[in-house]
Amino acid sequence: MIMFRQALSEARPFLKDSWALGWPMILIMFFHFAIGITDVYVAGFLGSDVMAAVGYVGQLYWTLMILATGLTVGLVSMVSQAYGAEAPEGVGCITTHSLGLGFAIAGVITVVAGIYPSALVRVSGMPEGIQEIATHFIRIYSLVLVPTYFSIMTGGVLRASGRIRVAMVNSGIAALVNCAGDLILGFGWGPVPAMGYQGIAWASALATTIGMVLNMIPMMQGPDRIRLGVLRHPLPGCLKNLLKLGAPSALQQTAWNAGTLVVYFLVGQLKAGEITALAAMTAGLRIEAIIFLPIFALNMACAVLTGNRIGAGDVAGARAGAKATAILCLAIIIVPAMTIFVFAPALSRLLTNDPSVFAEMARYLRINMIAVPFMAVGISFSGALQGAGDTMATMRIVFTGMWLVRIPLILIVLYYLRVGAAGVWCAMTLSIMILCLLMVNRFRGDAWTTASMDKSTKSLMWEACMKPGDQTAAGGVVKRDFFVH
């Protein structure tokens, strides 16, 4: 208790900044949550096989987004530090280099996914009963891989460079289009014919494209605008550092998403009720996303604020600010977690009318709520590590949590203890608790505070994106309002 009071006293001055960036991020996450819930709602009326396919394809599709999310972590770290150091030229050059990389990567994946959608579905290990549905989803999603990459990356730039409210408004518009599209295209409306489950995919494609366009508009304006001329003569050091920070995050996401696909596969191997368990986990994850909203929103806010302070030379402020964000996150999610635990059966009935599915879904939710306090603190600190450029350490921790803890535990409960789906849910919860404790232990050390320092040049990695002769901000704490937009 004494240690908690000391941490609270140290963090109190930073709570305002954490909340100022945190609440727009929570709304952005809520918009993503609304999309997921609407997808599952429409899928639930189209059949349990469609609901199971939506969950499985979602994991597979975001596996294709690995490099986009990985690059965005490195991008946010470098942009937030450049913004904290008051270097708009650096922000623009970093953004330009990263979008060039994103376009090249997404272009290759678009070709592969468009030509071999069935192969991707089979390789992922989906049950045969949902493979045809999943193939249709992948065909449609492959058409908008480039817009999806750009939407993810430009969203990261906006929140890292003081334009979080612009990102919030754009995300809200895209979410509205997606949710309305799910209902209209899925069920039909007036002259619009019902497209069934393919309507869900087309709604996502349309919304993603609109979101990308809205995000690109501010990228072309202001002192930190993208600089297309840079693409004629890219800076090798800038590209190298983007990859150096982004590659571990891409590997981290690969480890997690591939592990989640393995979990889906293992649940599909249950002796009986495998479709029920898959549908329950898919829908349960959507409800559980209520808890993920503030946790991952504040994770992203912590990454930006930590990067801003590291860029401004305020290491002590970066550490104290991360503690403030963790405390704020813990305070926000306790009541929702308890509410979900108590009302899990009623919430489950909202998403399905299949008695076996909502019973398993309620059990899934109650077991997973136990790990929420650990997740709040650990995931907040992981944002601080990433904002400071310590992406290699976070990759190692996530790999450990998924492949050395979660999957072995699930194999034990399925093939040795033979306790079925409930054992899988318990293994997932225990692995989250262990992962978050490892993250907290890393934050308690000092190595992460210098992770973004280029050892050869003795400068921060983002500075490699400045052309020779460009001026950077002087060292020391930069007093600025990060949230004016």
Protein backbone atom coordinates (compact mmCIF):
# COMPACT_ATOMS: atom_id res chain seq x y z
CA MET A 1 0.00 0.00 0.00
CA ILE A 2 2.85 2.40 0.84
CA MET A 3 4.51 1.69 -2.51
CA PHE A 4 1.21 2.31 -4.30
CA ARG A 5 0.76 5.65 -2.53
CA GLN A 6 4.29 6.69 -3.46
CA ALA A 7 3.68 5.76 -7.09
CA LEU A 8 0.37 7.65 -7.09
CA SER A 9 2.02 10.75 -5.58
CA GLU A 10 4.78 10.65 -8.22
CA ALA A 11 2.35 10.09 -11.08
CA ARG A 12 -0.38 12.60 -10.11
CA PRO A 13 1.09 15.60 -12.03
CA PHE A 14 1.12 13.51 -15.23
CA LEU A 15 -2.46 12.22 -15.03
CA LYS A 16 -3.83 15.21 -16.92
CA ASP A 17 -1.60 14.59 -19.94
CA SER A 18 -2.42 10.87 -19.91
CA TRP A 19 -6.14 11.58 -19.86
CA ALA A 20 -5.92 14.32 -22.53
CA LEU A 21 -4.45 11.83 -24.98
CA GLY A 22 -6.20 8.80 -23.52
CA TRP A 23 -9.85 9.75 -23.94
CA PRO A 24 -9.67 10.31 -27.72
CA MET A 25 -7.80 7.01 -28.02
CA ILE A 26 -10.53 5.29 -25.99
CA LEU A 27 -13.11 6.65 -28.42
CA ILE A 28 -11.05 5.43 -31.37
CA MET A 29 -10.88 1.99 -29.81
CA PHE A 30 -14.63 2.16 -29.14
CA PHE A 31 -15.22 2.78 -32.84
CA HIS A 32 -13.19 -0.34 -33.67
CA PHE A 33 -15.15 -2.23 -31.03
CA ALA A 34 -18.44 -1.10 -32.57
CA ILE A 35 -17.30 -2.48 -35.92
CA GLY A 36 -16.44 -5.83 -34.36
CA ILE A 37 -19.71 -6.08 -32.46
CA THR A 38 -21.73 -5.19 -35.57
CA ASP A 39 -19.81 -7.80 -37.60
CA VAL A 40 -20.64 -10.47 -35.03
CA TYR A 41 -24.26 -9.28 -34.67
CA VAL A 42 -24.89 -9.62 -38.40
CA ALA A 43 -22.92 -12.88 -38.59
CA GLY A 44 -24.91 -14.30 -35.66
CA PHE A 45 -28.15 -13.97 -37.63
CA LEU A 46 -26.54 -15.61 -40.65
CA GLY A 47 -25.47 -18.74 -38.75
CA SER A 48 -22.93 -20.04 -36.23
CA ASP A 49 -20.65 -21.11 -39.11
CA VAL A 50 -20.54 -17.50 -40.35
CA MET A 51 -19.84 -16.27 -36.80
CA ALA A 52 -16.98 -18.75 -36.43
CA ALA A 53 -15.61 -17.74 -39.85
CA VAL A 54 -15.70 -14.04 -38.96
CA GLY A 55 -13.55 -14.66 -35.88
CA TYR A 56 -11.10 -16.94 -37.64
CA VAL A 57 -10.76 -14.71 -40.72
CA GLY A 58 -10.28 -11.69 -38.47
CA GLN A 59 -7.22 -13.34 -36.95
CA LEU A 60 -5.91 -14.41 -40.37
CA TYR A 61 -6.47 -10.97 -41.91
CA TRP A 62 -4.65 -9.17 -39.12
CA THR A 63 -1.83 -11.63 -39.58
CA LEU A 64 -1.54 -10.15 -43.09
CA MET A 65 -1.44 -6.73 -41.40
CA ILE A 66 1.55 -7.70 -39.26
CA LEU A 67 4.09 -5.58 -41.09
CA ALA A 68 1.74 -2.58 -41.09
CA THR A 69 1.25 -2.71 -37.33
CA GLY A 70 4.94 -3.43 -36.78
CA LEU A 71 6.04 -0.50 -38.90
CA THR A 72 3.49 1.69 -37.15
CA VAL A 73 5.01 0.93 -33.74
CA GLY A 74 8.43 2.04 -35.00
CA LEU A 75 6.81 4.95 -36.83
CA VAL A 76 5.00 6.16 -33.69
CA SER A 77 8.17 5.89 -31.62
CA MET A 78 10.20 7.96 -34.08
CA VAL A 79 7.47 10.49 -34.94
CA SER A 80 6.55 11.07 -31.29
CA GLN A 81 10.21 11.68 -30.41
CA ALA A 82 10.67 14.04 -33.36
CA TYR A 83 7.49 15.88 -32.38
CA GLY A 84 8.67 16.11 -28.76
CA ALA A 85 11.95 17.60 -30.03
CA GLU A 86 9.99 20.15 -32.12
CA ALA A 87 11.29 18.93 -35.49
CA PRO A 88 8.38 19.04 -38.01
CA GLU A 89 10.77 18.27 -40.90
CA GLY A 90 11.66 15.06 -39.12
CA VAL A 91 7.99 14.15 -38.70
CA GLY A 92 7.36 14.67 -42.42
CA CYS A 93 10.40 12.70 -43.55
CA ILE A 94 9.71 9.79 -41.21
CA THR A 95 6.11 9.63 -42.44
CA THR A 96 7.17 9.68 -46.10
CA HIS A 97 9.74 6.90 -45.70
CA SER A 98 7.29 4.72 -43.74
CA LEU A 99 4.46 5.09 -46.27
CA GLY A 100 6.86 4.16 -49.06
CA LEU A 101 7.78 0.99 -47.20
CA GLY A 102 4.13 0.27 -46.46
CA PHE A 103 3.12 0.60 -50.10
CA ALA A 104 5.83 -1.81 -51.26
CA ILE A 105 4.98 -4.42 -48.61
CA ALA A 106 1.20 -4.19 -49.03
CA GLY A 107 1.52 -4.42 -52.79
CA VAL A 108 3.30 -7.78 -52.57
CA ILE A 109 0.81 -9.17 -50.02
CA THR A 110 -2.11 -7.97 -52.18
CA VAL A 111 -0.88 -10.07 -55.09
CA VAL A 112 -0.35 -13.17 -52.94
CA ALA A 113 -3.68 -12.90 -51.09
CA GLY A 114 -5.59 -12.15 -54.30
CA ILE A 115 -4.18 -15.13 -56.19
CA TYR A 116 -4.08 -17.72 -53.39
CA PRO A 117 -6.98 -16.99 -50.97
CA SER A 118 -8.00 -20.65 -50.68
CA ALA A 119 -4.45 -21.71 -49.92
CA LEU A 120 -4.18 -19.09 -47.17
CA VAL A 121 -7.39 -20.38 -45.61
CA ARG A 122 -6.24 -24.01 -45.71
CA VAL A 123 -2.77 -23.23 -44.33
CA SER A 124 -4.34 -21.40 -41.37
CA GLY A 125 -5.99 -24.67 -40.32
CA MET A 126 -9.63 -23.56 -40.46
CA PRO A 127 -12.27 -26.28 -40.06
CA GLU A 128 -13.65 -27.46 -43.42
CA GLY A 129 -17.13 -26.24 -42.54
CA ILE A 130 -16.10 -22.59 -42.74
CA GLN A 131 -13.35 -22.64 -45.40
CA GLU A 132 -15.59 -21.59 -48.32
CA ILE A 133 -16.98 -18.62 -46.35
CA ALA A 134 -13.49 -17.61 -45.25
CA THR A 135 -12.17 -17.73 -48.83
CA HIS A 136 -14.81 -15.21 -49.95
CA PHE A 137 -13.80 -12.90 -47.10
CA ILE A 138 -10.10 -13.06 -48.02
CA ARG A 139 -10.79 -12.37 -51.71
CA ILE A 140 -12.61 -9.16 -50.85
CA TYR A 141 -10.18 -8.05 -48.14
CA SER A 142 -7.22 -8.54 -50.47
CA LEU A 143 -8.52 -5.69 -52.63
CA VAL A 144 -8.00 -3.12 -49.87
CA LEU A 145 -4.72 -4.19 -48.31
CA VAL A 146 -2.90 -1.02 -49.44
CA PRO A 147 -5.64 1.30 -48.07
CA THR A 148 -5.64 -0.69 -44.84
CA TYR A 149 -1.87 -0.34 -44.48
CA PHE A 150 -2.05 3.40 -45.14
CA SER A 151 -5.00 3.85 -42.77
CA ILE A 152 -3.15 2.13 -39.92
CA MET A 153 0.11 4.00 -40.46
CA THR A 154 -1.36 7.47 -41.00
CA GLY A 155 -3.48 6.99 -37.89
CA GLY A 156 -0.26 6.38 -35.98
CA VAL A 157 1.29 9.56 -37.36
CA LEU A 158 -1.74 11.66 -36.42
CA ARG A 159 -1.79 10.51 -32.80
CA ALA A 160 2.00 10.78 -32.43
CA SER A 161 2.17 14.33 -33.78
CA GLY A 162 -0.46 16.16 -31.75
CA ARG A 163 -3.43 15.50 -34.07
CA ILE A 164 -5.19 12.83 -32.03
CA ARG A 165 -8.60 14.50 -32.36
CA VAL A 166 -8.31 14.51 -36.14
CA ALA A 167 -7.61 10.77 -35.98
CA MET A 168 -10.59 10.36 -33.64
CA VAL A 169 -13.04 12.10 -36.00
CA ASN A 170 -11.77 10.15 -39.03
CA SER A 171 -12.06 6.85 -37.17
CA GLY A 172 -15.60 7.72 -36.13
CA ILE A 173 -16.66 8.40 -39.72
CA ALA A 174 -15.08 5.17 -40.98
CA ALA A 175 -16.73 3.17 -38.18
CA LEU A 176 -20.14 4.66 -38.97
CA VAL A 177 -19.75 3.67 -42.62
CA ASN A 178 -18.65 0.16 -41.64
CA CYS A 179 -21.47 -0.48 -39.18
CA ALA A 180 -24.15 0.93 -41.48
CA GLY A 181 -22.67 -1.07 -44.35
CA ASP A 182 -22.80 -4.31 -42.34
CA LEU A 183 -26.52 -3.88 -41.72
CA ILE A 184 -27.50 -2.54 -45.14
CA LEU A 185 -25.37 -4.85 -47.28
CA GLY A 186 -25.77 -7.86 -44.99
CA PHE A 187 -29.55 -7.76 -44.58
CA GLY A 188 -30.53 -5.57 -47.53
CA TRP A 189 -32.40 -2.26 -47.38
CA GLY A 190 -34.83 -0.81 -49.92
CA PRO A 191 -33.33 -1.22 -53.38
CA VAL A 192 -30.08 -2.64 -51.94
CA PRO A 193 -30.20 -6.45 -52.12
CA ALA A 194 -29.06 -8.59 -49.17
CA MET A 195 -25.52 -9.84 -49.77
CA GLY A 196 -25.31 -12.03 -46.67
CA TYR A 197 -21.89 -12.59 -45.17
CA GLN A 198 -20.16 -11.03 -48.20
CA GLY A 199 -21.85 -7.77 -47.27
CA ILE A 200 -19.82 -7.74 -44.04
CA ALA A 201 -16.59 -7.91 -46.05
CA TRP A 202 -17.61 -5.25 -48.57
CA ALA A 203 -18.65 -2.89 -45.76
CA SER A 204 -15.19 -3.22 -44.20
CA ALA A 205 -13.51 -2.61 -47.56
CA LEU A 206 -15.50 0.57 -48.19
CA ALA A 207 -14.96 1.96 -44.67
CA THR A 208 -11.22 1.26 -44.76
CA THR A 209 -10.82 3.15 -48.03
CA ILE A 210 -12.74 6.15 -46.71
CA GLY A 211 -10.69 6.15 -43.51
CA MET A 212 -7.45 6.14 -45.50
CA VAL A 213 -8.51 9.12 -47.62
CA LEU A 214 -9.55 11.13 -44.55
CA ASN A 215 -6.22 10.42 -42.83
CA MET A 216 -4.17 11.31 -45.90
CA ILE A 217 -5.66 14.81 -46.20
CA PRO A 218 -3.85 16.27 -43.13
CA MET A 219 -0.72 14.35 -44.13
CA MET A 220 -0.43 16.67 -47.14
CA GLN A 221 -0.68 19.91 -45.15
CA GLY A 222 1.35 21.91 -42.62
CA PRO A 223 5.05 22.00 -41.71
CA ASP A 224 5.09 18.28 -40.89
CA ARG A 225 3.49 17.23 -44.21
CA ILE A 226 4.84 14.28 -46.18
CA ARG A 227 7.67 15.18 -48.54
CA LEU A 228 7.34 13.21 -51.78
CA GLY A 229 10.71 14.51 -52.97
CA VAL A 230 12.35 12.41 -50.28
CA LEU A 231 11.29 9.26 -52.11
CA ARG A 232 13.62 10.15 -55.01
CA HIS A 233 16.57 10.09 -52.62
CA PRO A 234 15.62 8.04 -49.54
CA LEU A 235 17.79 8.29 -46.46
CA PRO A 236 19.24 4.81 -45.81
CA GLY A 237 19.67 5.53 -42.10
CA CYS A 238 16.01 6.47 -41.76
CA LEU A 239 14.82 3.31 -43.50
CA LYS A 240 17.20 1.20 -41.45
CA ASN A 241 15.97 2.63 -38.15
CA LEU A 242 12.31 2.29 -39.12
CA LEU A 243 12.96 -1.38 -39.82
CA LYS A 244 15.10 -1.76 -36.71
CA LEU A 245 12.26 -0.54 -34.51
CA GLY A 246 9.43 -1.97 -36.59
CA ALA A 247 10.75 -5.46 -37.34
CA PRO A 248 10.66 -6.67 -33.70
CA SER A 249 7.11 -5.36 -33.42
CA ALA A 250 6.15 -7.17 -36.62
CA LEU A 251 7.69 -10.37 -35.23
CA GLN A 252 5.86 -9.74 -31.96
CA GLN A 253 2.54 -9.41 -33.77
CA THR A 254 3.38 -12.46 -35.87
CA ALA A 255 4.08 -14.49 -32.76
CA TRP A 256 0.84 -13.35 -31.13
CA ASN A 257 -1.47 -13.66 -34.15
CA ALA A 258 0.01 -16.95 -35.29
CA GLY A 259 -0.31 -18.19 -31.73
CA THR A 260 -3.95 -17.08 -31.66
CA LEU A 261 -4.57 -18.99 -34.89
CA VAL A 262 -3.01 -22.03 -33.22
CA VAL A 263 -5.37 -21.53 -30.27
CA TYR A 264 -8.33 -21.41 -32.68
CA PHE A 265 -7.00 -24.57 -34.33
CA LEU A 266 -6.62 -26.37 -30.97
CA VAL A 267 -10.13 -25.35 -29.90
CA GLY A 268 -11.33 -26.76 -33.23
CA GLN A 269 -9.78 -30.11 -32.25
CA LEU A 270 -12.03 -30.58 -29.24
CA LYS A 271 -13.70 -33.99 -29.22
CA ALA A 272 -17.16 -32.44 -29.29
CA GLY A 273 -18.66 -28.98 -29.58
CA GLU A 274 -15.73 -27.47 -31.49
CA ILE A 275 -17.94 -25.11 -33.55
CA THR A 276 -19.74 -24.07 -30.37
CA ALA A 277 -16.43 -23.29 -28.63
CA LEU A 278 -15.10 -21.38 -31.67
CA ALA A 279 -18.29 -19.32 -31.91
CA ALA A 280 -18.24 -18.68 -28.15
CA MET A 281 -14.62 -17.49 -28.25
CA THR A 282 -15.27 -15.28 -31.28
CA ALA A 283 -18.26 -13.57 -29.69
CA GLY A 284 -16.64 -13.56 -26.25
CA LEU A 285 -13.63 -11.71 -27.63
CA ARG A 286 -15.96 -9.02 -28.97
CA ILE A 287 -17.55 -8.48 -25.54
CA GLU A 288 -14.15 -8.73 -23.87
CA ALA A 289 -13.07 -5.91 -26.17
CA ILE A 290 -14.98 -3.57 -23.84
CA ILE A 291 -12.10 -4.13 -21.42
CA PHE A 292 -9.52 -3.91 -24.19
CA LEU A 293 -10.78 -0.45 -25.19
CA PRO A 294 -9.18 1.58 -22.37
CA ILE A 295 -6.27 -0.83 -21.93
CA PHE A 296 -5.01 -0.66 -25.51
CA ALA A 297 -6.08 2.95 -25.94
CA LEU A 298 -3.92 3.93 -22.97
CA ASN A 299 -1.17 1.62 -24.22
CA MET A 300 -1.06 3.74 -27.40
CA ALA A 301 -1.33 6.98 -25.44
CA CYS A 302 1.54 5.89 -23.21
CA ALA A 303 3.69 5.12 -26.27
CA VAL A 304 3.13 8.61 -27.67
CA LEU A 305 3.67 10.45 -24.39
CA THR A 306 6.77 8.45 -23.57
CA GLY A 307 8.17 9.11 -27.04
CA ASN A 308 7.41 12.83 -26.73
CA ARG A 309 9.27 13.01 -23.42
CA ILE A 310 12.20 10.90 -24.56
CA GLY A 311 12.51 13.17 -27.62
CA ALA A 312 12.44 16.21 -25.33
CA GLY A 313 15.15 14.71 -23.12
CA ASP A 314 12.85 14.20 -20.10
CA VAL A 315 13.58 10.59 -19.10
CA ALA A 316 12.29 11.04 -15.53
CA GLY A 317 9.05 12.46 -16.91
CA ALA A 318 8.74 9.52 -19.30
CA ARG A 319 8.97 7.06 -16.41
CA ALA A 320 6.58 8.95 -14.14
CA GLY A 321 4.14 9.53 -16.99
CA ALA A 322 4.03 5.82 -17.78
CA LYS A 323 3.20 5.08 -14.14
CA ALA A 324 0.42 7.67 -14.31
CA THR A 325 -1.03 6.03 -17.40
CA ALA A 326 -0.94 2.58 -15.76
CA ILE A 327 -2.74 3.88 -12.66
CA LEU A 328 -5.34 5.63 -14.80
CA CYS A 329 -5.89 2.48 -16.86
CA LEU A 330 -6.32 0.32 -13.76
CA ALA A 331 -8.82 2.77 -12.26
CA ILE A 332 -10.88 2.92 -15.46
CA ILE A 333 -11.27 -0.81 -16.14
CA ILE A 334 -11.99 -2.25 -12.68
CA VAL A 335 -15.72 -1.48 -12.69
CA PRO A 336 -16.35 -2.67 -16.30
CA ALA A 337 -14.45 -5.90 -15.56
CA MET A 338 -16.59 -6.59 -12.51
CA THR A 339 -19.74 -5.76 -14.46
CA ILE A 340 -18.85 -8.20 -17.25
CA PHE A 341 -18.05 -10.90 -14.68
CA VAL A 342 -21.43 -10.50 -12.96
CA PHE A 343 -23.60 -10.09 -16.07
CA ALA A 344 -21.73 -12.44 -18.42
CA PRO A 345 -24.78 -14.68 -19.12
CA ALA A 346 -27.03 -11.72 -19.99
CA LEU A 347 -24.36 -10.13 -22.21
CA SER A 348 -23.79 -13.42 -24.01
CA ARG A 349 -27.47 -13.74 -24.90
CA LEU A 350 -27.27 -10.41 -26.73
CA LEU A 351 -25.02 -11.90 -29.41
CA THR A 352 -26.52 -15.33 -30.00
CA ASN A 353 -29.76 -17.26 -29.57
CA ASP A 354 -27.95 -20.62 -29.42
CA PRO A 355 -28.13 -21.85 -25.78
CA SER A 356 -24.92 -23.89 -25.99
CA VAL A 357 -22.97 -20.95 -27.44
CA PHE A 358 -24.05 -18.35 -24.90
CA ALA A 359 -23.42 -20.74 -21.98
CA GLU A 360 -19.83 -21.34 -23.14
CA MET A 361 -19.40 -17.65 -23.91
CA ALA A 362 -20.41 -16.68 -20.37
CA ARG A 363 -17.87 -19.11 -18.91
CA TYR A 364 -15.17 -17.74 -21.22
CA LEU A 365 -15.86 -14.16 -20.10
CA ARG A 366 -15.87 -14.88 -16.37
CA ILE A 367 -12.58 -16.77 -16.45
CA ASN A 368 -10.82 -14.10 -18.54
CA MET A 369 -11.93 -11.20 -16.32
CA ILE A 370 -9.59 -12.49 -13.58
CA ALA A 371 -6.50 -11.34 -15.51
CA VAL A 372 -7.77 -7.82 -16.22
CA PRO A 373 -5.90 -5.93 -13.43
CA PHE A 374 -2.62 -7.54 -14.50
CA MET A 375 -3.34 -6.67 -18.12
CA ALA A 376 -4.09 -3.02 -17.29
CA VAL A 377 -0.71 -2.40 -15.70
CA GLY A 378 1.42 -4.63 -17.93
CA ILE A 379 0.01 -3.44 -21.25
CA SER A 380 0.30 0.21 -20.20
CA PHE A 381 3.99 -0.28 -19.47
CA SER A 382 4.47 -2.10 -22.78
CA GLY A 383 3.32 1.12 -24.47
CA ALA A 384 6.06 3.02 -22.63
CA LEU A 385 8.66 0.50 -23.77
CA GLN A 386 7.54 0.76 -27.39
CA GLY A 387 7.38 4.57 -27.33
CA ALA A 388 10.95 4.58 -26.06
CA GLY A 389 12.02 2.26 -28.88
CA ASP A 390 12.48 -0.84 -26.71
CA THR A 391 10.66 -3.01 -29.23
CA MET A 392 13.09 -5.93 -29.08
CA ALA A 393 12.40 -6.51 -25.38
CA THR A 394 8.63 -6.35 -25.81
CA MET A 395 8.92 -8.86 -28.66
CA ARG A 396 10.79 -11.32 -26.44
CA ILE A 397 8.23 -10.96 -23.66
CA VAL A 398 5.23 -11.45 -25.96
CA PHE A 399 6.85 -14.46 -27.63
CA THR A 400 7.45 -15.98 -24.21
CA GLY A 401 3.88 -15.36 -23.09
CA MET A 402 2.32 -16.93 -26.17
CA TRP A 403 4.64 -19.74 -27.28
CA LEU A 404 6.39 -20.76 -24.07
CA VAL A 405 3.43 -20.30 -21.72
CA ARG A 406 -0.02 -20.12 -23.37
CA ILE A 407 0.21 -22.80 -26.06
CA PRO A 408 2.02 -25.37 -23.86
CA LEU A 409 -0.60 -24.81 -21.15
CA ILE A 410 -3.43 -25.33 -23.64
CA LEU A 411 -1.82 -28.54 -24.91
CA ILE A 412 -1.56 -29.78 -21.33
CA VAL A 413 -5.20 -29.07 -20.49
CA LEU A 414 -6.47 -30.57 -23.77
CA TYR A 415 -4.35 -33.69 -24.09
CA TYR A 416 -3.23 -34.46 -20.53
CA LEU A 417 -5.86 -33.04 -18.17
CA ARG A 418 -8.64 -33.38 -20.79
CA VAL A 419 -10.82 -30.67 -19.26
CA GLY A 420 -12.10 -29.23 -22.53
CA ALA A 421 -12.88 -25.63 -23.37
CA ALA A 422 -12.88 -24.40 -19.77
CA GLY A 423 -9.27 -25.50 -19.41
CA VAL A 424 -8.35 -23.54 -22.53
CA TRP A 425 -9.92 -20.38 -21.08
CA CYS A 426 -8.00 -20.87 -17.80
CA ALA A 427 -4.71 -21.36 -19.68
CA MET A 428 -5.30 -18.15 -21.62
CA THR A 429 -5.93 -16.20 -18.44
CA LEU A 430 -2.85 -17.53 -16.63
CA SER A 431 -0.64 -16.75 -19.64
CA ILE A 432 -1.84 -13.13 -19.71
CA MET A 433 -1.00 -12.72 -16.02
CA ILE A 434 2.53 -14.07 -16.53
CA LEU A 435 3.13 -11.97 -19.64
CA CYS A 436 2.11 -8.76 -17.90
CA LEU A 437 4.30 -9.46 -14.88
CA LEU A 438 7.26 -9.88 -17.23
CA MET A 439 6.44 -6.52 -18.83
CA VAL A 440 6.33 -4.78 -15.44
CA ASN A 441 9.69 -6.29 -14.53
CA ARG A 442 11.25 -4.89 -17.73
CA PHE A 443 9.86 -1.42 -17.02
CA ARG A 444 11.39 -1.40 -13.53
CA GLY A 445 14.88 -1.46 -15.06
CA ASP A 446 16.69 1.30 -16.95
CA ALA A 447 17.67 -0.33 -20.25
CA TRP A 448 14.46 0.73 -22.03
CA THR A 449 15.16 4.44 -21.47
CA THR A 450 18.12 4.38 -23.90
CA ALA A 451 16.75 1.84 -26.38
CA SER A 452 16.17 4.44 -29.12
CA MET A 453 19.72 5.74 -28.91
CA ASP A 454 21.93 4.95 -31.89
CA LYS A 455 25.10 3.70 -30.21
CA SER A 456 27.35 4.61 -33.14
CA THR A 457 26.17 8.22 -33.60
CA LYS A 458 25.10 8.92 -30.01
CA SER A 459 21.84 10.39 -31.33
CA LEU A 460 18.21 9.29 -31.26
CA MET A 461 17.19 7.05 -34.15
CA TRP A 462 14.64 9.47 -35.57
CA GLU A 463 17.42 12.00 -36.27
CA ALA A 464 18.64 9.78 -39.13
CA CYS A 465 15.53 11.00 -41.00
CA MET A 466 16.80 14.60 -41.03
CA LYS A 467 18.75 15.77 -44.05
CA PRO A 468 22.27 17.10 -43.36
CA GLY A 469 22.06 20.73 -42.33
CA ASP A 470 18.51 20.56 -40.96
CA GLN A 471 18.24 21.98 -37.47
CA THR A 472 16.80 19.99 -34.57
CA ALA A 473 15.50 21.21 -31.27
CA ALA A 474 17.98 21.72 -28.49
CA GLY A 475 18.14 19.24 -25.65
CA GLY A 476 16.10 19.57 -22.50
CA VAL A 477 12.41 19.44 -21.69
CA VAL A 478 10.23 21.01 -24.35
CA LYS A 479 7.13 22.68 -22.89
CA ARG A 480 4.36 22.37 -25.46
CA ASP A 481 0.70 21.48 -25.72
CA PHE A 482 0.53 18.07 -27.40
CA PHE A 483 -3.23 18.10 -27.75
CA VAL A 484 -4.17 21.36 -29.45
CA HIS A 485 -5.64 19.58 -32.48
